[in-house]
Structures are given as structure tokens and as C-alpha cells.
Amino acid sequence: MRIPKNRHPSHPGEIIKKFILDEFKISQTMLSERLNVSRRTINQLVNKQRPLSTIMALRLSKLTNTSPEYWINFQTAYDLFLIQNDKSLHLEKISAIA
């Protein structure tokens, strides 16, 4: 998977809001019921207050007829972008072993 260097990847919650909630015109409550999770879980995910778990990726894949990897890749791209741009980690001080 290519991680964009200059564009902040979308959080999985943004994808859920745009392509599930808005597209199908359903509420967070309706989605939570379909996925058998709490409304709070969906709300935190949509508001980028919670990362997408592997279990949620599996639930979303069943709901949308996609793969769990499709959903996990959004979270991975988002996390890697944040970490790669975190100056406090001093990643520039690490050199390749070979």
C-alpha cells in the first residue's frame, strides 16, 4: 500500500460518514443497529475519536460486501501518516542497518 507523503489520508470514520451514512441516508443509530454495536461506538468512529478495529473492519466488510482489508487499509494509512509526520519520534536519527 502506498502511503501519501503530502496528503493527510482520510480517517475511516470519514469514509463511513460519506459512503455509508450520507450515501444511504441512514442515521448513526441505524448503522449501529445493523452492525450490532453501540451508537456511541459509531459516533466516536465517525468523529475520529476512535480508531477502526479489526472487528469493526470485519463488520463493515459484511455490511458493504467488501473485504476487511479494504477497511483496515484506511486505518493503516491514517496511522502511518500521523506517525511518519510526528517530529517527536526523531525518526530521522534512525539509519538503515544494511
N, C-alpha and C. Protein backbone atom coordinates (compact mmCIF):
# COMPACT_ATOMS: atom_id res chain seq x y z
N MET A 1 0.84 -1.17 0.00
CA MET A 1 0.00 0.00 0.00
C MET A 1 0.89 1.24 0.00
N ARG A 2 0.60 2.18 -0.87
CA ARG A 2 1.35 3.43 -0.93
C ARG A 2 0.74 4.41 0.07
N ILE A 3 1.58 4.99 0.87
CA ILE A 3 1.15 5.97 1.85
C ILE A 3 1.47 7.36 1.31
N PRO A 4 0.45 8.21 1.14
CA PRO A 4 0.72 9.54 0.62
C PRO A 4 1.63 10.33 1.57
N LYS A 5 2.60 11.03 1.02
CA LYS A 5 3.54 11.79 1.85
C LYS A 5 3.02 13.20 2.13
N ASN A 6 2.25 13.75 1.22
CA ASN A 6 1.86 15.15 1.34
C ASN A 6 0.36 15.37 1.57
N ARG A 7 -0.42 14.33 1.53
CA ARG A 7 -1.87 14.47 1.73
C ARG A 7 -2.29 13.62 2.92
N HIS A 8 -2.98 14.25 3.83
CA HIS A 8 -3.45 13.54 5.02
C HIS A 8 -4.54 12.54 4.59
N PRO A 9 -4.32 11.24 4.80
CA PRO A 9 -5.34 10.26 4.42
C PRO A 9 -6.61 10.44 5.25
N SER A 10 -7.71 10.02 4.72
CA SER A 10 -8.98 10.11 5.42
C SER A 10 -9.02 9.10 6.56
N HIS A 11 -9.58 9.52 7.66
CA HIS A 11 -9.86 8.61 8.78
C HIS A 11 -10.99 7.70 8.33
N PRO A 12 -11.01 6.43 8.75
CA PRO A 12 -12.09 5.53 8.35
C PRO A 12 -13.48 6.08 8.69
N GLY A 13 -13.59 6.85 9.76
CA GLY A 13 -14.88 7.44 10.13
C GLY A 13 -15.41 8.38 9.07
N GLU A 14 -14.50 9.09 8.40
CA GLU A 14 -14.92 9.99 7.31
C GLU A 14 -15.49 9.19 6.15
N ILE A 15 -14.88 8.05 5.88
CA ILE A 15 -15.36 7.18 4.80
C ILE A 15 -16.73 6.61 5.16
N ILE A 16 -16.88 6.20 6.39
CA ILE A 16 -18.17 5.67 6.85
C ILE A 16 -19.25 6.73 6.73
N LYS A 17 -18.94 7.95 7.15
CA LYS A 17 -19.94 9.02 7.07
C LYS A 17 -20.34 9.30 5.63
N LYS A 18 -19.34 9.46 4.77
CA LYS A 18 -19.63 9.85 3.39
C LYS A 18 -20.28 8.72 2.58
N PHE A 19 -19.72 7.53 2.68
CA PHE A 19 -20.14 6.45 1.78
C PHE A 19 -21.16 5.47 2.35
N ILE A 20 -21.45 5.59 3.64
CA ILE A 20 -22.50 4.74 4.21
C ILE A 20 -23.63 5.61 4.74
N LEU A 21 -23.33 6.45 5.73
CA LEU A 21 -24.39 7.26 6.34
C LEU A 21 -25.03 8.22 5.35
N ASP A 22 -24.19 9.03 4.69
CA ASP A 22 -24.74 10.03 3.76
C ASP A 22 -25.29 9.39 2.49
N GLU A 23 -24.54 8.45 1.94
CA GLU A 23 -24.95 7.82 0.67
C GLU A 23 -26.28 7.08 0.79
N PHE A 24 -26.43 6.34 1.88
CA PHE A 24 -27.65 5.55 2.06
C PHE A 24 -28.69 6.24 2.94
N LYS A 25 -28.35 7.47 3.36
CA LYS A 25 -29.26 8.28 4.16
C LYS A 25 -29.76 7.53 5.40
N ILE A 26 -28.80 6.97 6.15
CA ILE A 26 -29.15 6.30 7.39
C ILE A 26 -28.47 7.01 8.55
N SER A 27 -29.04 6.88 9.72
CA SER A 27 -28.50 7.53 10.90
C SER A 27 -27.42 6.67 11.55
N GLN A 28 -26.69 7.28 12.45
CA GLN A 28 -25.70 6.54 13.21
C GLN A 28 -26.38 5.44 14.03
N THR A 29 -27.55 5.73 14.53
CA THR A 29 -28.29 4.72 15.30
C THR A 29 -28.65 3.53 14.42
N MET A 30 -29.13 3.81 13.23
CA MET A 30 -29.49 2.72 12.32
C MET A 30 -28.26 1.88 11.96
N LEU A 31 -27.14 2.55 11.72
CA LEU A 31 -25.92 1.81 11.39
C LEU A 31 -25.47 0.97 12.58
N SER A 32 -25.53 1.54 13.76
CA SER A 32 -25.11 0.79 14.94
C SER A 32 -25.97 -0.45 15.14
N GLU A 33 -27.25 -0.34 14.87
CA GLU A 33 -28.14 -1.50 14.99
C GLU A 33 -27.80 -2.56 13.95
N ARG A 34 -27.51 -2.13 12.73
CA ARG A 34 -27.16 -3.10 11.67
C ARG A 34 -25.85 -3.80 11.95
N LEU A 35 -24.93 -3.10 12.60
CA LEU A 35 -23.62 -3.68 12.89
C LEU A 35 -23.56 -4.36 14.27
N ASN A 36 -24.64 -4.21 15.03
CA ASN A 36 -24.72 -4.80 16.37
C ASN A 36 -23.63 -4.24 17.29
N VAL A 37 -23.49 -2.91 17.26
CA VAL A 37 -22.58 -2.20 18.15
C VAL A 37 -23.34 -1.02 18.75
N SER A 38 -22.75 -0.37 19.73
CA SER A 38 -23.43 0.77 20.35
C SER A 38 -23.39 1.99 19.43
N ARG A 39 -24.35 2.86 19.63
CA ARG A 39 -24.38 4.10 18.87
C ARG A 39 -23.15 4.93 19.20
N ARG A 40 -22.72 4.86 20.44
CA ARG A 40 -21.53 5.60 20.87
C ARG A 40 -20.30 5.15 20.07
N THR A 41 -20.18 3.87 19.83
CA THR A 41 -19.05 3.35 19.04
C THR A 41 -19.04 3.98 17.66
N ILE A 42 -20.19 4.01 17.01
CA ILE A 42 -20.28 4.61 15.67
C ILE A 42 -20.00 6.11 15.73
N ASN A 43 -20.57 6.78 16.72
CA ASN A 43 -20.37 8.22 16.85
C ASN A 43 -18.90 8.56 17.05
N GLN A 44 -18.21 7.82 17.90
CA GLN A 44 -16.79 8.08 18.13
C GLN A 44 -15.97 7.79 16.87
N LEU A 45 -16.33 6.77 16.15
CA LEU A 45 -15.63 6.44 14.91
C LEU A 45 -15.83 7.53 13.87
N VAL A 46 -17.05 7.94 13.67
CA VAL A 46 -17.37 8.97 12.68
C VAL A 46 -16.72 10.31 13.04
N ASN A 47 -16.58 10.58 14.33
CA ASN A 47 -15.98 11.84 14.78
C ASN A 47 -14.48 11.72 15.03
N LYS A 48 -13.87 10.67 14.51
CA LYS A 48 -12.42 10.45 14.57
C LYS A 48 -11.88 10.41 16.00
N GLN A 49 -12.70 9.91 16.92
CA GLN A 49 -12.29 9.80 18.32
C GLN A 49 -11.92 8.37 18.67
N ARG A 50 -12.03 7.48 17.69
CA ARG A 50 -11.76 6.06 17.90
C ARG A 50 -11.17 5.50 16.62
N PRO A 51 -10.14 4.66 16.74
CA PRO A 51 -9.62 4.01 15.53
C PRO A 51 -10.52 2.86 15.11
N LEU A 52 -10.42 2.50 13.87
CA LEU A 52 -11.19 1.37 13.35
C LEU A 52 -10.52 0.07 13.79
N SER A 53 -11.23 -0.77 14.49
CA SER A 53 -10.68 -2.05 14.95
C SER A 53 -10.82 -3.11 13.86
N THR A 54 -10.11 -4.19 14.03
CA THR A 54 -10.22 -5.29 13.07
C THR A 54 -11.62 -5.90 13.12
N ILE A 55 -12.23 -5.93 14.29
CA ILE A 55 -13.59 -6.47 14.41
C ILE A 55 -14.56 -5.57 13.66
N MET A 56 -14.40 -4.25 13.80
CA MET A 56 -15.27 -3.33 13.08
C MET A 56 -15.03 -3.45 11.58
N ALA A 57 -13.79 -3.65 11.17
CA ALA A 57 -13.49 -3.84 9.75
C ALA A 57 -14.23 -5.06 9.22
N LEU A 58 -14.27 -6.11 9.99
CA LEU A 58 -14.99 -7.31 9.58
C LEU A 58 -16.49 -7.05 9.49
N ARG A 59 -17.03 -6.34 10.46
CA ARG A 59 -18.47 -6.00 10.45
C ARG A 59 -18.81 -5.15 9.22
N LEU A 60 -17.98 -4.12 8.97
CA LEU A 60 -18.22 -3.25 7.82
C LEU A 60 -18.08 -3.99 6.50
N SER A 61 -17.15 -4.93 6.45
CA SER A 61 -16.97 -5.69 5.21
C SER A 61 -18.20 -6.53 4.91
N LYS A 62 -18.80 -7.10 5.95
CA LYS A 62 -20.02 -7.88 5.74
C LYS A 62 -21.18 -6.98 5.31
N LEU A 63 -21.26 -5.80 5.93
CA LEU A 63 -22.33 -4.86 5.60
C LEU A 63 -22.23 -4.35 4.17
N THR A 64 -21.01 -4.07 3.73
CA THR A 64 -20.80 -3.42 2.43
C THR A 64 -20.33 -4.36 1.33
N ASN A 65 -20.22 -5.64 1.65
CA ASN A 65 -19.76 -6.63 0.68
C ASN A 65 -18.38 -6.28 0.13
N THR A 66 -17.50 -5.88 1.06
CA THR A 66 -16.11 -5.60 0.72
C THR A 66 -15.24 -6.51 1.58
N SER A 67 -13.94 -6.31 1.54
CA SER A 67 -13.05 -7.13 2.37
C SER A 67 -12.71 -6.38 3.66
N PRO A 68 -12.37 -7.10 4.72
CA PRO A 68 -11.92 -6.42 5.94
C PRO A 68 -10.65 -5.60 5.67
N GLU A 69 -9.81 -6.09 4.77
CA GLU A 69 -8.57 -5.38 4.43
C GLU A 69 -8.87 -4.00 3.83
N TYR A 70 -9.94 -3.91 3.07
CA TYR A 70 -10.35 -2.63 2.49
C TYR A 70 -10.49 -1.59 3.59
N TRP A 71 -11.14 -1.97 4.68
CA TRP A 71 -11.39 -1.04 5.79
C TRP A 71 -10.15 -0.83 6.63
N ILE A 72 -9.41 -1.89 6.91
CA ILE A 72 -8.20 -1.78 7.72
C ILE A 72 -7.16 -0.91 7.03
N ASN A 73 -7.11 -0.95 5.70
CA ASN A 73 -6.14 -0.14 4.97
C ASN A 73 -6.37 1.36 5.18
N PHE A 74 -7.61 1.78 5.36
CA PHE A 74 -7.87 3.19 5.66
C PHE A 74 -7.23 3.57 7.00
N GLN A 75 -7.42 2.71 8.00
CA GLN A 75 -6.85 2.99 9.32
C GLN A 75 -5.33 2.96 9.28
N THR A 76 -4.77 1.98 8.59
CA THR A 76 -3.32 1.85 8.49
C THR A 76 -2.71 3.09 7.82
N ALA A 77 -3.29 3.53 6.73
CA ALA A 77 -2.78 4.71 6.03
C ALA A 77 -2.86 5.94 6.93
N TYR A 78 -3.96 6.09 7.64
CA TYR A 78 -4.15 7.22 8.54
C TYR A 78 -3.11 7.20 9.66
N ASP A 79 -2.93 6.03 10.30
CA ASP A 79 -1.97 5.89 11.40
C ASP A 79 -0.54 6.13 10.93
N LEU A 80 -0.16 5.54 9.81
CA LEU A 80 1.20 5.71 9.31
C LEU A 80 1.51 7.16 8.96
N PHE A 81 0.55 7.84 8.38
CA PHE A 81 0.76 9.25 8.05
C PHE A 81 1.04 10.05 9.32
N LEU A 82 0.24 9.83 10.35
CA LEU A 82 0.42 10.57 11.60
C LEU A 82 1.79 10.26 12.22
N ILE A 83 2.16 9.00 12.23
CA ILE A 83 3.43 8.60 12.83
C ILE A 83 4.61 9.12 12.02
N GLN A 84 4.54 9.01 10.70
CA GLN A 84 5.64 9.47 9.86
C GLN A 84 5.85 10.98 9.96
N ASN A 85 4.83 11.69 10.35
CA ASN A 85 4.93 13.15 10.46
C ASN A 85 5.07 13.63 11.90
N ASP A 86 5.28 12.72 12.82
CA ASP A 86 5.45 13.06 14.23
C ASP A 86 6.93 13.35 14.49
N LYS A 87 7.27 14.62 14.61
CA LYS A 87 8.67 15.04 14.79
C LYS A 87 9.24 14.57 16.12
N SER A 88 8.39 14.34 17.11
CA SER A 88 8.87 13.94 18.43
C SER A 88 9.47 12.53 18.44
N LEU A 89 9.22 11.76 17.40
CA LEU A 89 9.77 10.40 17.33
C LEU A 89 11.22 10.38 16.86
N HIS A 90 11.68 11.48 16.28
CA HIS A 90 13.06 11.61 15.79
C HIS A 90 13.45 10.46 14.86
N LEU A 91 12.56 10.14 13.94
CA LEU A 91 12.81 9.06 13.01
C LEU A 91 14.01 9.32 12.10
N GLU A 92 14.35 10.58 11.90
CA GLU A 92 15.48 10.92 11.04
C GLU A 92 16.81 10.45 11.64
N LYS A 93 16.82 10.16 12.92
CA LYS A 93 18.05 9.69 13.58
C LYS A 93 18.29 8.20 13.38
N ILE A 94 17.34 7.50 12.79
CA ILE A 94 17.48 6.07 12.58
C ILE A 94 18.03 5.83 11.18
N SER A 95 19.11 5.07 11.11
CA SER A 95 19.68 4.77 9.79
C SER A 95 19.50 3.28 9.50
N ALA A 96 19.50 2.95 8.23
CA ALA A 96 19.29 1.57 7.79
C ALA A 96 20.44 0.70 8.28
N ILE A 97 20.12 -0.53 8.60
CA ILE A 97 21.11 -1.48 9.11
C ILE A 97 22.00 -2.02 7.99
N ALA A 98 21.49 -2.03 6.80
CA ALA A 98 22.29 -2.57 5.68
C ALA A 98 22.29 -1.60 4.53
